[in-house]
């Protein structure tokens, strides 16, 4: 069975590590056990699908990788 949440979490983790997440200005609760829809910077629909990523002014550094 396809696990949509697992894919969203994986993509978010790749983004976090590719952009030096440990040095973001605000990485509170990112990659914790809560639903990825509760992670700061991810906005979800009512059906828990990420529709927007907003990390403006959060000190992201690095390159996005094609995964």
N, C-alpha and C. Protein backbone atom coordinates (compact mmCIF):
# COMPACT_ATOMS: atom_id res chain seq x y z
N UNK A 1 0.84 -1.18 0.00
CA UNK A 1 0.00 0.00 0.00
C UNK A 1 0.89 1.25 0.00
N UNK A 2 0.46 2.25 -0.71
CA UNK A 2 1.20 3.52 -0.82
C UNK A 2 1.00 4.34 0.43
N UNK A 3 2.08 4.75 1.05
CA UNK A 3 2.01 5.54 2.27
C UNK A 3 2.39 6.98 1.94
N UNK A 4 1.38 7.81 1.69
CA UNK A 4 1.60 9.20 1.28
C UNK A 4 2.35 9.98 2.35
N UNK A 5 2.02 9.77 3.61
CA UNK A 5 2.68 10.49 4.70
C UNK A 5 4.17 10.15 4.75
N UNK A 6 4.50 8.90 4.55
CA UNK A 6 5.90 8.49 4.57
C UNK A 6 6.69 9.19 3.47
N UNK A 7 6.11 9.32 2.30
CA UNK A 7 6.77 10.01 1.19
C UNK A 7 6.96 11.48 1.53
N UNK A 8 5.95 12.12 2.09
CA UNK A 8 6.06 13.53 2.48
C UNK A 8 7.14 13.73 3.53
N UNK A 9 7.22 12.84 4.49
CA UNK A 9 8.23 12.93 5.53
C UNK A 9 9.63 12.75 4.95
N UNK A 10 9.76 11.80 4.03
CA UNK A 10 11.05 11.55 3.40
C UNK A 10 11.52 12.77 2.61
N UNK A 11 10.64 13.33 1.79
CA UNK A 11 10.98 14.50 0.99
C UNK A 11 11.34 15.67 1.89
N UNK A 12 10.61 15.85 2.98
CA UNK A 12 10.89 16.93 3.92
C UNK A 12 12.25 16.72 4.59
N UNK A 13 12.58 15.49 4.93
CA UNK A 13 13.87 15.19 5.55
C UNK A 13 15.01 15.46 4.57
N UNK A 14 14.82 15.09 3.30
CA UNK A 14 15.84 15.36 2.29
C UNK A 14 16.05 16.87 2.17
N UNK A 15 14.97 17.64 2.15
CA UNK A 15 15.06 19.09 2.09
C UNK A 15 15.82 19.63 3.31
N UNK A 16 15.49 19.13 4.48
CA UNK A 16 16.13 19.57 5.72
C UNK A 16 17.65 19.36 5.66
N UNK A 17 18.07 18.15 5.32
CA UNK A 17 19.50 17.86 5.31
C UNK A 17 20.23 18.52 4.14
N UNK A 18 19.57 18.67 3.01
CA UNK A 18 20.20 19.30 1.84
C UNK A 18 20.40 20.80 2.03
N UNK A 19 19.61 21.40 2.92
CA UNK A 19 19.69 22.85 3.11
C UNK A 19 20.21 23.22 4.49
N UNK A 20 20.98 22.29 5.10
CA UNK A 20 21.66 22.56 6.36
C UNK A 20 20.68 22.89 7.49
N UNK A 21 19.66 22.04 7.62
CA UNK A 21 18.58 22.27 8.57
C UNK A 21 19.00 22.53 10.00
N UNK A 22 20.09 21.93 10.43
CA UNK A 22 20.54 22.16 11.81
C UNK A 22 20.91 23.61 12.07
N UNK A 23 21.18 24.35 11.00
CA UNK A 23 21.54 25.76 11.15
C UNK A 23 20.44 26.71 10.69
N UNK A 24 19.24 26.19 10.47
CA UNK A 24 18.13 27.07 10.17
C UNK A 24 17.90 27.99 11.36
N UNK A 25 17.36 29.14 11.10
CA UNK A 25 17.01 30.05 12.19
C UNK A 25 15.93 29.45 13.09
N UNK A 26 15.01 28.69 12.49
CA UNK A 26 13.93 28.08 13.25
C UNK A 26 13.69 26.66 12.73
N UNK A 27 14.22 25.68 13.44
CA UNK A 27 13.97 24.28 13.06
C UNK A 27 13.20 23.54 14.15
N UNK A 28 12.55 24.31 15.02
CA UNK A 28 11.80 23.73 16.12
C UNK A 28 10.73 22.79 15.57
N UNK A 29 10.67 21.61 16.09
CA UNK A 29 9.69 20.58 15.76
C UNK A 29 9.83 20.02 14.36
N UNK A 30 10.84 20.41 13.61
CA UNK A 30 10.98 19.84 12.27
C UNK A 30 11.63 18.47 12.41
N UNK A 31 11.07 17.49 11.77
CA UNK A 31 11.48 16.09 11.79
C UNK A 31 11.15 15.39 13.11
N UNK A 32 10.24 15.95 13.91
CA UNK A 32 9.88 15.24 15.13
C UNK A 32 8.81 14.20 14.83
N UNK A 33 8.32 13.55 15.85
CA UNK A 33 7.38 12.45 15.68
C UNK A 33 5.97 12.90 15.32
N UNK A 34 5.68 14.18 15.50
CA UNK A 34 4.37 14.70 15.14
C UNK A 34 4.12 14.53 13.63
N UNK A 35 2.92 14.70 13.22
CA UNK A 35 2.60 14.70 11.80
C UNK A 35 3.42 15.77 11.09
N UNK A 36 3.87 15.48 9.91
CA UNK A 36 4.64 16.46 9.14
C UNK A 36 3.82 17.73 8.90
N UNK A 37 2.52 17.64 8.99
CA UNK A 37 1.67 18.82 8.81
C UNK A 37 1.78 19.77 10.00
N UNK A 38 2.38 19.32 11.10
CA UNK A 38 2.62 20.18 12.25
C UNK A 38 4.01 20.78 12.24
N UNK A 39 4.84 20.39 11.29
CA UNK A 39 6.20 20.91 11.22
C UNK A 39 6.17 22.33 10.70
N UNK A 40 6.91 23.19 11.35
CA UNK A 40 6.94 24.60 10.96
C UNK A 40 7.44 24.74 9.52
N UNK A 41 6.68 25.48 8.73
CA UNK A 41 7.05 25.73 7.34
C UNK A 41 6.30 24.88 6.33
N UNK A 42 5.65 23.81 6.80
CA UNK A 42 4.85 22.98 5.91
C UNK A 42 3.38 23.28 6.14
N UNK A 43 2.68 23.57 5.07
CA UNK A 43 1.24 23.84 5.15
C UNK A 43 0.50 22.73 4.43
N UNK A 44 -0.52 22.21 5.08
CA UNK A 44 -1.23 21.05 4.56
C UNK A 44 -2.72 21.33 4.32
N UNK A 45 -3.29 20.51 3.47
CA UNK A 45 -4.73 20.55 3.25
C UNK A 45 -5.43 19.84 4.41
N UNK A 46 -6.73 19.85 4.41
CA UNK A 46 -7.49 19.16 5.46
C UNK A 46 -7.27 17.65 5.41
N UNK A 47 -6.84 17.14 4.25
CA UNK A 47 -6.58 15.70 4.13
C UNK A 47 -5.10 15.38 4.35
N UNK A 48 -4.38 16.30 4.99
CA UNK A 48 -2.97 16.12 5.38
C UNK A 48 -2.01 15.93 4.21
N UNK A 49 -2.26 16.66 3.14
CA UNK A 49 -1.34 16.67 2.01
C UNK A 49 -0.62 18.01 2.00
N UNK A 50 0.72 17.97 1.99
CA UNK A 50 1.50 19.21 1.95
C UNK A 50 1.21 19.92 0.63
N UNK A 51 0.79 21.17 0.71
CA UNK A 51 0.54 21.93 -0.51
C UNK A 51 1.46 23.15 -0.63
N UNK A 52 2.16 23.48 0.46
CA UNK A 52 3.02 24.65 0.43
C UNK A 52 4.17 24.45 1.41
N UNK A 53 5.34 24.88 0.97
CA UNK A 53 6.53 24.90 1.82
C UNK A 53 6.96 26.35 1.92
N UNK A 54 7.04 26.86 3.15
CA UNK A 54 7.35 28.28 3.36
C UNK A 54 8.49 28.41 4.38
N UNK A 55 9.70 28.59 3.87
CA UNK A 55 10.87 28.76 4.72
C UNK A 55 11.53 30.10 4.46
N UNK A 56 10.75 31.09 4.10
CA UNK A 56 11.30 32.41 3.83
C UNK A 56 12.04 32.93 5.06
N UNK A 57 13.22 33.47 4.84
CA UNK A 57 14.04 34.06 5.89
C UNK A 57 14.37 33.07 7.01
N UNK A 58 14.71 31.83 6.64
CA UNK A 58 15.02 30.83 7.65
C UNK A 58 16.45 30.30 7.52
N UNK A 59 17.29 31.01 6.77
CA UNK A 59 18.71 30.69 6.67
C UNK A 59 18.99 29.34 6.02
N UNK A 60 18.20 28.97 5.01
CA UNK A 60 18.48 27.75 4.28
C UNK A 60 19.73 27.96 3.43
N UNK A 61 20.62 26.97 3.45
CA UNK A 61 21.84 27.01 2.65
C UNK A 61 22.05 25.65 2.02
N UNK A 62 22.41 25.63 0.77
CA UNK A 62 22.69 24.36 0.11
C UNK A 62 21.97 24.29 -1.22
N UNK A 63 21.97 23.11 -1.77
CA UNK A 63 21.35 22.86 -3.07
C UNK A 63 20.26 21.82 -2.93
N UNK A 64 19.18 22.04 -3.65
CA UNK A 64 18.14 21.03 -3.71
C UNK A 64 18.63 19.92 -4.63
N UNK A 65 18.44 18.71 -4.20
CA UNK A 65 18.92 17.58 -4.99
C UNK A 65 17.73 16.90 -5.66
N UNK A 66 18.01 16.32 -6.80
CA UNK A 66 16.95 15.54 -7.46
C UNK A 66 17.00 14.13 -6.92
N UNK A 67 16.00 13.74 -6.27
CA UNK A 67 15.98 12.47 -5.57
C UNK A 67 14.94 11.58 -6.16
